[in-house]
C-alpha atoms as a PDB file:
ATOM      1  CA  MET A   1       0.000   0.000   0.000  1.00  0.00           C
ATOM      2  CA  GLU A   2       1.177   3.518  -0.751  1.00  0.00           C
ATOM      3  CA  HIS A   3       2.541   5.484   2.168  1.00  0.00           C
ATOM      4  CA  PHE A   4       3.419   9.154   1.993  1.00  0.00           C
ATOM      5  CA  SER A   5       4.588  11.383   4.815  1.00  0.00           C
ATOM      6  CA  ILE A   6       3.556  15.026   4.962  1.00  0.00           C
ATOM      7  CA  LYS A   7       6.481  17.166   6.008  1.00  0.00           C
ATOM      8  CA  ASN A   8       6.053  20.001   8.486  1.00  0.00           C
ATOM      9  CA  THR A   9       7.784  22.911   6.799  1.00  0.00           C
ATOM     10  CA  GLY A  10       7.652  25.052   9.915  1.00  0.00           C
ATOM     11  CA  SER A  11       6.357  28.023   7.963  1.00  0.00           C
ATOM     12  CA  THR A  12       5.783  31.193   9.958  1.00  0.00           C
ATOM     13  CA  ALA A  13       3.906  33.019   7.195  1.00  0.00           C
ATOM     14  CA  ALA A  14       0.988  35.160   8.304  1.00  0.00           C
ATOM     15  CA  LYS A  15      -2.425  33.541   8.033  1.00  0.00           C
ATOM     16  CA  THR A  16      -4.798  34.596   5.294  1.00  0.00           C
ATOM     17  CA  PRO A  17      -7.586  36.821   6.640  1.00  0.00           C
ATOM     18  CA  PRO A  18     -10.616  34.542   7.020  1.00  0.00           C
ATOM     19  CA  LEU A  19     -13.518  34.753   4.611  1.00  0.00           C
ATOM     20  CA  GLU A  20     -16.897  35.430   6.118  1.00  0.00           C
ATOM     21  CA  GLY A  21     -18.934  32.709   7.765  1.00  0.00           C
ATOM     22  CA  GLY A  22     -16.581  31.099  10.312  1.00  0.00           C
ATOM     23  CA  GLY A  23     -17.754  30.103  13.773  1.00  0.00           C
ATOM     24  CA  ALA A  24     -21.033  28.369  12.865  1.00  0.00           C
ATOM     25  CA  SER A  25     -22.052  25.104  14.521  1.00  0.00           C
ATOM     26  CA  LEU A  26     -23.333  21.782  13.178  1.00  0.00           C
ATOM     27  CA  SER A  27     -24.231  18.763  15.275  1.00  0.00           C
ATOM     28  CA  THR A  28     -26.315  15.608  15.114  1.00  0.00           C
ATOM     29  CA  LYS A  29     -28.533  14.100  17.795  1.00  0.00           C
ATOM     30  CA  SER A  30     -29.403  10.384  17.630  1.00  0.00           C
ATOM     31  CA  LEU A  31     -29.165  10.648  13.845  1.00  0.00           C
ATOM     32  CA  SER A  32     -30.223   7.679  11.735  1.00  0.00           C
ATOM     33  CA  ILE A  33     -29.257   7.671   8.044  1.00  0.00           C
ATOM     34  CA  GLY A  34     -30.209   5.400   5.182  1.00  0.00           C
ATOM     35  CA  TYR A  35     -32.896   4.995   2.556  1.00  0.00           C
ATOM     36  CA  ALA A  36     -36.668   5.186   2.637  1.00  0.00           C
ATOM     37  CA  LYS A  37     -39.176   3.854   0.108  1.00  0.00           C
ATOM     38  CA  GLY A  38     -42.729   4.570   1.123  1.00  0.00           C
ATOM     39  CA  LYS A  39     -43.195   3.317   4.663  1.00  0.00           C
ATOM     40  CA  PHE A  40     -40.144   1.070   4.516  1.00  0.00           C
ATOM     41  CA  LYS A  41     -36.837   2.342   5.907  1.00  0.00           C
ATOM     42  CA  THR A  42     -33.409   0.807   5.445  1.00  0.00           C
ATOM     43  CA  PRO A  43     -31.013   2.310   7.985  1.00  0.00           C
ATOM     44  CA  VAL A  44     -27.292   2.331   7.208  1.00  0.00           C
ATOM     45  CA  GLN A  45     -26.144   3.923  10.466  1.00  0.00           C
ATOM     46  CA  SER A  46     -28.058   4.840  13.614  1.00  0.00           C
ATOM     47  CA  ASP A  47     -27.708   6.865  16.813  1.00  0.00           C
ATOM     48  CA  LEU A  48     -24.983   9.170  15.493  1.00  0.00           C
ATOM     49  CA  ASN A  49     -24.016  12.041  17.790  1.00  0.00           C
ATOM     50  CA  LEU A  50     -21.429  14.162  16.023  1.00  0.00           C
ATOM     51  CA  GLU A  51     -20.196  17.732  15.982  1.00  0.00           C
ATOM     52  CA  LEU A  52     -18.217  19.826  13.505  1.00  0.00           C
ATOM     53  CA  PHE A  53     -15.940  22.517  14.869  1.00  0.00           C
ATOM     54  CA  PRO A  54     -14.938  25.731  13.057  1.00  0.00           C
ATOM     55  CA  GLY A  55     -11.380  25.864  11.769  1.00  0.00           C
ATOM     56  CA  GLU A  56     -10.878  22.073  11.664  1.00  0.00           C
ATOM     57  CA  MET A  57     -10.516  19.563   8.866  1.00  0.00           C
ATOM     58  CA  VAL A  58     -12.357  16.349   9.701  1.00  0.00           C
ATOM     59  CA  CYS A  59     -11.673  13.188   7.712  1.00  0.00           C
ATOM     60  CA  LEU A  60     -14.544  10.703   7.444  1.00  0.00           C
ATOM     61  CA  ILE A  61     -13.081   7.270   6.833  1.00  0.00           C
ATOM     62  CA  GLY A  62     -14.333   3.697   7.001  1.00  0.00           C
ATOM     63  CA  PRO A  63     -14.761   0.486   5.000  1.00  0.00           C
ATOM     64  CA  ASN A  64     -16.689   0.460   1.719  1.00  0.00           C
ATOM     65  CA  GLY A  65     -20.419   0.249   2.312  1.00  0.00           C
ATOM     66  CA  SER A  66     -20.285   1.684   5.824  1.00  0.00           C
ATOM     67  CA  GLY A  67     -22.271   4.781   4.789  1.00  0.00           C
ATOM     68  CA  LYS A  68     -19.744   7.580   4.310  1.00  0.00           C
ATOM     69  CA  SER A  69     -21.382   9.094   1.220  1.00  0.00           C
ATOM     70  CA  THR A  70     -24.835   8.640   2.737  1.00  0.00           C
ATOM     71  CA  LEU A  71     -23.775  10.583   5.832  1.00  0.00           C
ATOM     72  CA  MET A  72     -22.224  13.307   3.683  1.00  0.00           C
ATOM     73  CA  ARG A  73     -25.396  13.718   1.593  1.00  0.00           C
ATOM     74  CA  THR A  74     -27.606  13.677   4.692  1.00  0.00           C
ATOM     75  CA  LEU A  75     -25.585  16.297   6.545  1.00  0.00           C
ATOM     76  CA  SER A  76     -25.676  18.577   3.501  1.00  0.00           C
ATOM     77  CA  GLY A  77     -29.474  18.256   3.168  1.00  0.00           C
ATOM     78  CA  VAL A  78     -29.337  16.467  -0.186  1.00  0.00           C
ATOM     79  CA  GLN A  79     -30.752  13.261   1.321  1.00  0.00           C
ATOM     80  CA  LYS A  80     -33.462  13.080   4.003  1.00  0.00           C
ATOM     81  CA  LEU A  81     -32.555  11.665   7.395  1.00  0.00           C
ATOM     82  CA  LEU A  82     -34.457   8.666   8.744  1.00  0.00           C
ATOM     83  CA  ASP A  83     -34.579   9.708  12.379  1.00  0.00           C
ATOM     84  CA  GLY A  84     -32.989  12.071  14.880  1.00  0.00           C
ATOM     85  CA  LYS A  85     -31.867  15.630  14.249  1.00  0.00           C
ATOM     86  CA  ILE A  86     -29.239  17.642  12.432  1.00  0.00           C
ATOM     87  CA  MET A  87     -28.805  21.025  14.077  1.00  0.00           C
ATOM     88  CA  LEU A  88     -27.293  23.836  12.028  1.00  0.00           C
ATOM     89  CA  ASP A  89     -26.755  27.007  14.045  1.00  0.00           C
ATOM     90  CA  ASN A  90     -29.302  25.793  16.619  1.00  0.00           C
ATOM     91  CA  LYS A  91     -31.944  25.214  13.946  1.00  0.00           C
ATOM     92  CA  GLU A  92     -33.009  21.875  12.470  1.00  0.00           C
ATOM     93  CA  ILE A  93     -31.651  21.454   8.965  1.00  0.00           C
ATOM     94  CA  SER A  94     -35.105  20.460   7.697  1.00  0.00           C
ATOM     95  CA  LYS A  95     -36.298  23.991   8.524  1.00  0.00           C
ATOM     96  CA  TYR A  96     -33.920  25.558   6.006  1.00  0.00           C
ATOM     97  CA  SER A  97     -34.869  26.301   2.408  1.00  0.00           C
ATOM     98  CA  GLN A  98     -32.483  25.168  -0.343  1.00  0.00           C
ATOM     99  CA  LYS A  99     -31.264  28.732  -0.807  1.00  0.00           C
ATOM    100  CA  GLU A 100     -30.663  29.134   2.922  1.00  0.00           C
ATOM    101  CA  LEU A 101     -28.706  25.869   2.977  1.00  0.00           C
ATOM    102  CA  ALA A 102     -26.613  27.058   0.037  1.00  0.00           C
ATOM    103  CA  LEU A 103     -25.496  29.962   2.222  1.00  0.00           C
ATOM    104  CA  LYS A 104     -24.393  27.563   4.943  1.00  0.00           C
ATOM    105  CA  ILE A 105     -22.996  24.446   3.255  1.00  0.00           C
ATOM    106  CA  ALA A 106     -20.946  23.976   0.082  1.00  0.00           C
ATOM    107  CA  LEU A 107     -20.875  20.409  -1.267  1.00  0.00           C
ATOM    108  CA  VAL A 108     -18.193  19.068  -3.624  1.00  0.00           C
ATOM    109  CA  LEU A 109     -18.967  15.646  -5.126  1.00  0.00           C
ATOM    110  CA  THR A 110     -16.699  13.187  -6.929  1.00  0.00           C
ATOM    111  CA  ASP A 111     -18.101  13.810 -10.414  1.00  0.00           C
ATOM    112  CA  ARG A 112     -15.463  14.744 -12.984  1.00  0.00           C
ATOM    113  CA  VAL A 113     -15.656  18.286 -14.286  1.00  0.00           C
ATOM    114  CA  ASP A 114     -15.779  18.596 -18.079  1.00  0.00           C
ATOM    115  CA  VAL A 115     -17.592  21.698 -19.300  1.00  0.00           C
ATOM    116  CA  GLU A 116     -16.840  22.942 -22.796  1.00  0.00           C
ATOM    117  CA  ASN A 117     -16.072  26.637 -23.316  1.00  0.00           C
ATOM    118  CA  ALA A 118     -16.026  27.379 -19.573  1.00  0.00           C
ATOM    119  CA  THR A 119     -12.952  28.949 -18.017  1.00  0.00           C
ATOM    120  CA  VAL A 120     -11.647  28.355 -14.525  1.00  0.00           C
ATOM    121  CA  ARG A 121     -13.066  31.710 -13.458  1.00  0.00           C
ATOM    122  CA  ASP A 122     -16.473  30.830 -14.964  1.00  0.00           C
ATOM    123  CA  ILE A 123     -16.677  27.670 -12.851  1.00  0.00           C
ATOM    124  CA  VAL A 124     -15.476  29.346  -9.658  1.00  0.00           C
ATOM    125  CA  ALA A 125     -17.996  32.172 -10.206  1.00  0.00           C
ATOM    126  CA  LEU A 126     -20.815  29.608  -9.980  1.00  0.00           C
ATOM    127  CA  GLY A 127     -20.110  29.496  -6.261  1.00  0.00           C
ATOM    128  CA  GLN A 128     -21.584  32.987  -5.997  1.00  0.00           C
ATOM    129  CA  HIS A 129     -24.922  31.822  -7.414  1.00  0.00           C
ATOM    130  CA  PRO A 130     -26.753  31.904  -4.016  1.00  0.00           C
ATOM    131  CA  TYR A 131     -25.913  35.600  -3.690  1.00  0.00           C
ATOM    132  CA  THR A 132     -26.811  36.821  -7.181  1.00  0.00           C
ATOM    133  CA  HIS A 133     -30.033  38.547  -8.215  1.00  0.00           C
ATOM    134  CA  TRP A 134     -32.387  36.612 -10.489  1.00  0.00           C
ATOM    135  CA  LEU A 135     -31.296  38.915 -13.311  1.00  0.00           C
ATOM    136  CA  GLY A 136     -27.753  37.678 -12.838  1.00  0.00           C
ATOM    137  CA  GLY A 137     -26.101  40.743 -11.329  1.00  0.00           C
ATOM    138  CA  MET A 138     -22.998  40.220  -9.208  1.00  0.00           C
ATOM    139  CA  SER A 139     -21.727  42.690  -6.617  1.00  0.00           C
ATOM    140  CA  GLU A 140     -18.150  43.924  -6.342  1.00  0.00           C
ATOM    141  CA  LYS A 141     -17.927  42.019  -3.074  1.00  0.00           C
ATOM    142  CA  GLY A 142     -18.904  38.837  -4.904  1.00  0.00           C
ATOM    143  CA  LYS A 143     -16.188  39.393  -7.501  1.00  0.00           C
ATOM    144  CA  GLN A 144     -13.670  39.868  -4.715  1.00  0.00           C
ATOM    145  CA  LYS A 145     -14.704  36.552  -3.169  1.00  0.00           C
ATOM    146  CA  ILE A 146     -14.174  34.808  -6.513  1.00  0.00           C
ATOM    147  CA  ASN A 147     -10.714  36.310  -6.906  1.00  0.00           C
ATOM    148  CA  GLU A 148      -9.830  35.408  -3.320  1.00  0.00           C
ATOM    149  CA  ALA A 149     -10.973  31.806  -3.818  1.00  0.00           C
ATOM    150  CA  ILE A 150      -8.824  31.538  -6.957  1.00  0.00           C
ATOM    151  CA  ARG A 151      -5.847  32.949  -5.070  1.00  0.00           C
ATOM    152  CA  LEU A 152      -6.268  30.623  -2.082  1.00  0.00           C
ATOM    153  CA  THR A 153      -6.256  27.579  -4.375  1.00  0.00           C
ATOM    154  CA  HIS A 154      -3.223  28.819  -6.346  1.00  0.00           C
ATOM    155  CA  LEU A 155      -5.058  29.072  -9.671  1.00  0.00           C
ATOM    156  CA  GLU A 156      -4.264  32.687 -10.620  1.00  0.00           C
ATOM    157  CA  HIS A 157      -2.158  31.611 -13.589  1.00  0.00           C
ATOM    158  CA  LYS A 158      -4.962  29.339 -14.832  1.00  0.00           C
ATOM    159  CA  LYS A 159      -8.078  31.454 -14.293  1.00  0.00           C
ATOM    160  CA  PHE A 160      -8.643  32.168 -17.998  1.00  0.00           C
ATOM    161  CA  ASN A 161      -7.831  28.620 -19.126  1.00  0.00           C
ATOM    162  CA  PHE A 162     -10.668  26.390 -20.262  1.00  0.00           C
ATOM    163  CA  ILE A 163     -11.519  23.736 -17.700  1.00  0.00           C
ATOM    164  CA  ASN A 164     -10.826  20.899 -20.168  1.00  0.00           C
ATOM    165  CA  GLU A 165      -7.231  22.140 -20.504  1.00  0.00           C
ATOM    166  CA  LEU A 166      -6.452  21.335 -16.863  1.00  0.00           C
ATOM    167  CA  SER A 167      -5.062  18.260 -15.168  1.00  0.00           C
ATOM    168  CA  ASP A 168      -7.318  16.258 -12.837  1.00  0.00           C
ATOM    169  CA  GLY A 169      -5.587  17.760  -9.816  1.00  0.00           C
ATOM    170  CA  GLU A 170      -6.135  21.295 -11.129  1.00  0.00           C
ATOM    171  CA  LYS A 171      -9.786  20.536 -11.859  1.00  0.00           C
ATOM    172  CA  GLN A 172     -10.241  19.390  -8.269  1.00  0.00           C
ATOM    173  CA  ARG A 173      -8.726  22.648  -7.016  1.00  0.00           C
ATOM    174  CA  VAL A 174     -11.197  24.521  -9.238  1.00  0.00           C
ATOM    175  CA  MET A 175     -14.095  22.761  -7.492  1.00  0.00           C
ATOM    176  CA  ILE A 176     -12.598  23.600  -4.096  1.00  0.00           C
ATOM    177  CA  ALA A 177     -12.275  27.227  -5.247  1.00  0.00           C
ATOM    178  CA  LYS A 178     -15.945  27.183  -6.306  1.00  0.00           C
ATOM    179  CA  ALA A 179     -16.878  25.990  -2.802  1.00  0.00           C
ATOM    180  CA  LEU A 180     -14.734  28.737  -1.270  1.00  0.00           C
ATOM    181  CA  ALA A 181     -16.404  31.352  -3.486  1.00  0.00           C
ATOM    182  CA  GLN A 182     -19.741  30.148  -2.127  1.00  0.00           C
ATOM    183  CA  ASP A 183     -18.331  31.415   1.185  1.00  0.00           C
ATOM    184  CA  THR A 184     -20.169  29.059   3.520  1.00  0.00           C
ATOM    185  CA  PRO A 185     -19.059  28.155   7.053  1.00  0.00           C
ATOM    186  CA  PHE A 186     -19.115  24.461   6.080  1.00  0.00           C
ATOM    187  CA  ILE A 187     -17.494  22.729   3.111  1.00  0.00           C
ATOM    188  CA  PHE A 188     -18.201  19.030   2.510  1.00  0.00           C
ATOM    189  CA  LEU A 189     -16.132  17.093  -0.016  1.00  0.00           C
ATOM    190  CA  ASP A 190     -16.929  13.524  -1.052  1.00  0.00           C
ATOM    191  CA  GLU A 191     -13.709  11.742  -2.101  1.00  0.00           C
ATOM    192  CA  PRO A 192     -11.879  14.899  -3.239  1.00  0.00           C
ATOM    193  CA  THR A 193      -8.720  12.944  -4.108  1.00  0.00           C
ATOM    194  CA  ALA A 194     -10.404  10.284  -6.264  1.00  0.00           C
ATOM    195  CA  HIS A 195      -8.866   9.929  -9.759  1.00  0.00           C
ATOM    196  CA  LEU A 196      -5.677  11.769  -8.688  1.00  0.00           C
ATOM    197  CA  ASP A 197      -2.070  10.585  -8.626  1.00  0.00           C
ATOM    198  CA  LEU A 198      -0.194  10.459  -5.318  1.00  0.00           C
ATOM    199  CA  PRO A 199       1.478  13.913  -5.455  1.00  0.00           C
ATOM    200  CA  SER A 200      -1.868  15.526  -6.353  1.00  0.00           C
ATOM    201  CA  ARG A 201      -3.611  13.694  -3.494  1.00  0.00           C
ATOM    202  CA  VAL A 202      -1.049  14.992  -1.024  1.00  0.00           C
ATOM    203  CA  ASP A 203      -1.362  18.496  -2.499  1.00  0.00           C
ATOM    204  CA  ILE A 204      -5.163  18.500  -2.113  1.00  0.00           C
ATOM    205  CA  MET A 205      -5.044  17.200   1.477  1.00  0.00           C
ATOM    206  CA  LEU A 206      -2.492  19.840   2.470  1.00  0.00           C
ATOM    207  CA  LEU A 207      -4.522  22.543   0.737  1.00  0.00           C
ATOM    208  CA  LEU A 208      -7.736  21.578   2.553  1.00  0.00           C
ATOM    209  CA  HIS A 209      -5.961  21.433   5.913  1.00  0.00           C
ATOM    210  CA  LYS A 210      -4.497  24.889   5.358  1.00  0.00           C
ATOM    211  CA  LEU A 211      -7.828  26.327   4.225  1.00  0.00           C
ATOM    212  CA  ALA A 212      -9.607  25.072   7.344  1.00  0.00           C
ATOM    213  CA  HIS A 213      -7.027  26.717   9.556  1.00  0.00           C
ATOM    214  CA  THR A 214      -6.718  29.997   7.646  1.00  0.00           C
ATOM    215  CA  THR A 215     -10.391  30.626   6.846  1.00  0.00           C
ATOM    216  CA  GLY A 216     -11.986  29.350  10.056  1.00  0.00           C
ATOM    217  CA  LYS A 217     -14.325  27.089   8.099  1.00  0.00           C
ATOM    218  CA  ALA A 218     -15.233  23.536   9.081  1.00  0.00           C
ATOM    219  CA  ILE A 219     -14.118  21.202   6.291  1.00  0.00           C
ATOM    220  CA  LEU A 220     -15.418  17.624   6.212  1.00  0.00           C
ATOM    221  CA  ILE A 221     -14.052  15.173   3.658  1.00  0.00           C
ATOM    222  CA  SER A 222     -14.820  11.523   3.065  1.00  0.00           C
ATOM    223  CA  THR A 223     -11.750   9.683   1.864  1.00  0.00           C
ATOM    224  CA  HIS A 224     -10.077   6.325   1.327  1.00  0.00           C
ATOM    225  CA  GLU A 225      -6.654   7.932   1.827  1.00  0.00           C
ATOM    226  CA  LEU A 226      -6.224   6.462   5.291  1.00  0.00           C
ATOM    227  CA  ASP A 227      -2.546   7.277   5.779  1.00  0.00           C
ATOM    228  CA  LEU A 228      -2.974  10.862   4.550  1.00  0.00           C
ATOM    229  CA  ALA A 229      -6.109  11.305   6.675  1.00  0.00           C
ATOM    230  CA  LEU A 230      -4.177  10.243   9.769  1.00  0.00           C
ATOM    231  CA  GLN A 231      -1.524  12.848   9.011  1.00  0.00           C
ATOM    232  CA  ALA A 232      -3.629  15.787   7.784  1.00  0.00           C
ATOM    233  CA  GLY A 233      -6.926  15.423   9.653  1.00  0.00           C
ATOM    234  CA  ASP A 234      -7.413  17.465  12.818  1.00  0.00           C
ATOM    235  CA  ARG A 235     -10.108  14.988  13.753  1.00  0.00           C
ATOM    236  CA  ILE A 236     -11.191  11.615  12.395  1.00  0.00           C
ATOM    237  CA  TRP A 237     -14.728  10.350  12.093  1.00  0.00           C
ATOM    238  CA  LEU A 238     -14.104   6.603  11.952  1.00  0.00           C
ATOM    239  CA  MET A 239     -17.158   4.795  10.626  1.00  0.00           C
ATOM    240  CA  SER A 240     -17.565   1.047  11.022  1.00  0.00           C
ATOM    241  CA  GLU A 241     -20.120  -1.056   9.216  1.00  0.00           C
ATOM    242  CA  HIS A 242     -23.366  -0.765  11.227  1.00  0.00           C
ATOM    243  CA  GLY A 243     -21.251   0.168  14.251  1.00  0.00           C
ATOM    244  CA  GLY A 244     -21.605   3.930  14.356  1.00  0.00           C
ATOM    245  CA  VAL A 245     -18.931   6.599  14.138  1.00  0.00           C
ATOM    246  CA  LYS A 246     -16.077   7.120  16.562  1.00  0.00           C
ATOM    247  CA  SER A 247     -14.806  10.711  16.665  1.00  0.00           C
ATOM    248  CA  GLY A 248     -11.380  11.676  17.931  1.00  0.00           C
ATOM    249  CA  VAL A 249      -7.888  12.933  17.287  1.00  0.00           C
ATOM    250  CA  PRO A 250      -6.174  10.503  14.844  1.00  0.00           C
ATOM    251  CA  GLU A 251      -3.436   9.452  17.255  1.00  0.00           C
ATOM    252  CA  ASP A 252      -5.925   8.591  20.016  1.00  0.00           C
ATOM    253  CA  LEU A 253      -7.951   6.371  17.683  1.00  0.00           C
ATOM    254  CA  VAL A 254      -4.757   4.542  16.696  1.00  0.00           C
ATOM    255  CA  LEU A 255      -3.372   4.108  20.218  1.00  0.00           C
ATOM    256  CA  ASN A 256      -6.656   2.978  21.821  1.00  0.00           C
ATOM    257  CA  GLY A 257      -7.115   0.246  19.203  1.00  0.00           C
ATOM    258  CA  THR A 258     -10.233   1.689  17.533  1.00  0.00           C
ATOM    259  CA  PHE A 259      -8.546   1.910  14.148  1.00  0.00           C
ATOM    260  CA  ASN A 260      -7.464  -1.729  14.255  1.00  0.00           C
ATOM    261  CA  ARG A 261     -10.929  -2.922  15.301  1.00  0.00           C
ATOM    262  CA  VAL A 262     -12.684  -1.116  12.449  1.00  0.00           C
ATOM    263  CA  PHE A 263     -10.272  -2.364   9.784  1.00  0.00           C
ATOM    264  CA  GLU A 264      -9.674  -5.836  11.228  1.00  0.00           C
ATOM    265  CA  ASN A 265      -9.021  -8.268   8.383  1.00  0.00           C
ATOM    266  CA  ASP A 266      -7.300 -11.617   7.893  1.00  0.00           C
ATOM    267  CA  ALA A 267      -5.362 -10.280   4.899  1.00  0.00           C
ATOM    268  CA  TYR A 268      -3.841  -7.194   6.534  1.00  0.00           C
ATOM    269  CA  TYR A 269      -3.509  -5.288   9.801  1.00  0.00           C
ATOM    270  CA  PHE A 270      -2.979  -1.680  10.820  1.00  0.00           C
ATOM    271  CA  ASN A 271       0.598  -1.230  11.975  1.00  0.00           C
ATOM    272  CA  THR A 272       0.532   1.189  14.907  1.00  0.00           C
ATOM    273  CA  THR A 273       4.309   1.590  14.757  1.00  0.00           C
ATOM    274  CA  ASN A 274       4.491   3.200  11.308  1.00  0.00           C
ATOM    275  CA  GLY A 275       0.877   4.276  10.736  1.00  0.00           C
ATOM    276  CA  ASN A 276       0.050   2.287   7.626  1.00  0.00           C
ATOM    277  CA  PHE A 277      -1.387  -1.093   6.670  1.00  0.00           C
ATOM    278  CA  SER A 278       0.766  -4.207   6.487  1.00  0.00           C
ATOM    279  CA  MET A 279      -0.117  -7.421   4.709  1.00  0.00           C
ATOM    280  CA  ASN A 280      -0.493 -10.631   6.701  1.00  0.00           C
ATOM    281  CA  TYR A 281       1.966 -12.959   4.988  1.00  0.00           C
ATOM    282  CA  PRO A 282       2.208 -16.572   6.216  1.00  0.00           C
ATOM    283  CA  MET A 283       5.427 -16.719   8.233  1.00  0.00           C
ATOM    284  CA  THR A 284       7.333 -20.018   8.105  1.00  0.00           C
ATOM    285  CA  LYS A 285      10.858 -18.983   9.176  1.00  0.00           C
ATOM    286  CA  LYS A 286      12.495 -16.424  11.417  1.00  0.00           C
ATOM    287  CA  VAL A 287      15.642 -14.313  11.795  1.00  0.00           C
ATOM    288  CA  ASN A 288      16.856 -11.624  14.168  1.00  0.00           C
ATOM    289  CA  VAL A 289      17.791  -8.220  12.737  1.00  0.00           C
ATOM    290  CA  VAL A 290      19.705  -5.384  14.438  1.00  0.00           C
ATOM    291  CA  GLY A 291      21.267  -2.137  13.228  1.00  0.00           C
ATOM    292  CA  ASP A 292      20.284   1.005  11.321  1.00  0.00           C
ATOM    293  CA  LYS A 293      16.659   1.937  12.091  1.00  0.00           C
ATOM    294  CA  THR A 294      15.705   3.060   8.577  1.00  0.00           C
ATOM    295  CA  ARG A 295      17.207  -0.003   6.876  1.00  0.00           C
ATOM    296  CA  ILE A 296      15.615  -2.292   9.461  1.00  0.00           C
ATOM    297  CA  TYR A 297      12.152  -1.030   8.488  1.00  0.00           C
ATOM    298  CA  TRP A 298      12.655  -1.784   4.787  1.00  0.00           C
ATOM    299  CA  THR A 299      14.384  -5.074   5.586  1.00  0.00           C
ATOM    300  CA  PHE A 300      11.382  -6.132   7.682  1.00  0.00           C
ATOM    301  CA  ARG A 301       9.086  -5.464   4.717  1.00  0.00           C
ATOM    302  CA  ALA A 302      11.231  -7.461   2.320  1.00  0.00           C
ATOM    303  CA  LEU A 303      11.596 -10.387   4.710  1.00  0.00           C
ATOM    304  CA  ALA A 304       7.854 -10.545   5.382  1.00  0.00           C
ATOM    305  CA  ARG A 305       7.209 -10.833   1.653  1.00  0.00           C
ATOM    306  CA  ILE A 306       9.164 -14.114   1.525  1.00  0.00           C
ATOM    307  CA  GLY A 307       7.629 -15.482   4.739  1.00  0.00           C
ATOM    308  CA  ILE A 308      10.398 -14.652   7.217  1.00  0.00           C
ATOM    309  CA  SER A 309       9.498 -12.978  10.500  1.00  0.00           C
ATOM    310  CA  VAL A 310      11.898 -10.959  12.647  1.00  0.00           C
ATOM    311  CA  GLU A 311      12.138 -12.243  16.217  1.00  0.00           C
ATOM    312  CA  PRO A 312      14.818 -11.685  18.884  1.00  0.00           C
ATOM    313  CA  ASP A 313      15.147 -15.396  19.761  1.00  0.00           C
ATOM    314  CA  ALA A 314      15.988 -16.511  16.208  1.00  0.00           C
ATOM    315  CA  GLU A 315      19.276 -18.373  15.704  1.00  0.00           C
ATOM    316  CA  THR A 316      20.201 -16.466  12.546  1.00  0.00           C
ATOM    317  CA  LEU A 317      21.348 -12.876  13.138  1.00  0.00           C
ATOM    318  CA  ILE A 318      21.471 -10.157  10.478  1.00  0.00           C
ATOM    319  CA  THR A 319      23.441  -7.030  11.420  1.00  0.00           C
ATOM    320  CA  ILE A 320      22.905  -3.885   9.351  1.00  0.00           C
ATOM    321  CA  ASN A 321      25.635  -1.222   9.137  1.00  0.00           C
ATOM    322  CA  ASN A 322      27.101   1.185   6.586  1.00  0.00           C
ATOM    323  CA  ASP A 323      28.766  -1.696   4.725  1.00  0.00           C
ATOM    324  CA  GLY A 324      25.501  -3.564   4.160  1.00  0.00           C
ATOM    325  CA  TRP A 325      23.743  -6.593   5.616  1.00  0.00           C
ATOM    326  CA  ASN A 326      26.007  -9.015   7.523  1.00  0.00           C
ATOM    327  CA  MET A 327      24.880 -12.612   7.980  1.00  0.00           C
ATOM    328  CA  ASN A 328      26.984 -15.683   8.749  1.00  0.00           C
ATOM    329  CA  SER A 329      30.267 -13.744   8.201  1.00  0.00           C
ATOM    330  CA  GLN A 330      29.096 -12.619   4.755  1.00  0.00           C
ATOM    331  CA  THR A 331      28.237  -9.012   3.769  1.00  0.00           C
ATOM    332  CA  TYR A 332      25.468  -8.317   1.264  1.00  0.00           C
ATOM    333  CA  LYS A 333      25.340  -4.894  -0.386  1.00  0.00           C
ATOM    334  CA  THR A 334      21.644  -4.976  -1.318  1.00  0.00           C
ATOM    335  CA  ILE A 335      18.432  -6.376   0.096  1.00  0.00           C
ATOM    336  CA  GLU A 336      17.997  -8.319  -3.139  1.00  0.00           C
ATOM    337  CA  SER A 337      21.283 -10.197  -2.587  1.00  0.00           C
ATOM    338  CA  LEU A 338      20.338 -10.811   1.051  1.00  0.00           C
ATOM    339  CA  LEU A 339      16.973 -12.272   0.045  1.00  0.00           C
ATOM    340  CA  LYS A 340      18.653 -14.619  -2.442  1.00  0.00           C
ATOM    341  CA  ALA A 341      21.047 -15.828   0.241  1.00  0.00           C
ATOM    342  CA  LEU A 342      18.193 -16.413   2.646  1.00  0.00           C
ATOM    343  CA  SER A 343      16.243 -18.337   0.008  1.00  0.00           C
ATOM    344  CA  ASP A 344      19.255 -20.566  -0.594  1.00  0.00           C
ATOM    345  CA  SER A 345      19.928 -21.124   3.119  1.00  0.00           C
ATOM    346  CA  SER A 346      18.255 -23.383   5.645  1.00  0.00           C
ATOM    347  CA  LEU A 347      16.679 -21.359   8.428  1.00  0.00           C
ATOM    348  CA  SER A 348      15.072 -22.674  11.568  1.00  0.00           C
ATOM    349  CA  GLY A 349      11.303 -22.789  11.446  1.00  0.00           C
ATOM    350  CA  LYS A 350       9.026 -20.307  13.198  1.00  0.00           C
ATOM    351  CA  THR A 351       8.068 -21.417  16.666  1.00  0.00           C
END
């Protein structure tokens, strides 16, 4: 599985002045979500008690089919709730008109953006639709919000390009800019990194984290990028299948075992030491490994792939230093040569 670390650059740059709308509140009380057909209801999740805080990026993660998209659509008012309440600024969400909701919540879905003859600025300007007169007039303040949204998403040099001239990562930033131009206190994004390569996924996650902190908005994203969510999310909503949603700081959910319980699987496990998922290979032999910490990590991975576990009581010792991997008085310069030697040797079985 891909693993990518987000580096803390230690920047001391001044924060961008927040757009309007920060400080609003959204919470759920005994919320039940799912699907209704006539009198028949099919709940996906029940008894959800959640809260979104201003100025935080929350990552909604969980197994496929657990209800992430359903929760996102329900919280944004697109889909009706089955039971319970969603409170938006101390008022039930069902009491809002569609226009009123558009002033509170901006929703970015996973659909690809391909609009002929529309520039980046044209798309971003659509975010101002809730504020425009029915004749189509836009205020100077609205134009300023559009320009600010383009600046915050680093699209100034692309604003007059046609949308179909952009990369997938740039198109996703355009949709984030459109949500910013809508200038709501809440921005919900359903799988914002879908269809993107790894560098673009990291770029989008960092951008959203920065925007939450600099604008004071509450940003909620559903994502399958578990390792990036653990690094970039201020808070995790961890959804299990029919088991509700656990909310907490990422590190707490890892250390208290919640993360492992939700993603428990015979084929892989969540490695609390390095923060990513490791495959469960059948282990038939064992060695002991000591030495350089970084090389040990990658050596562990390679050994696991060929069914060798690392245990301190193993008879065979591999010592890693600047010269390479030392085993049985032989030095191997690469992991590949070490693996070949291990395959040709007779190791004691795993006990």
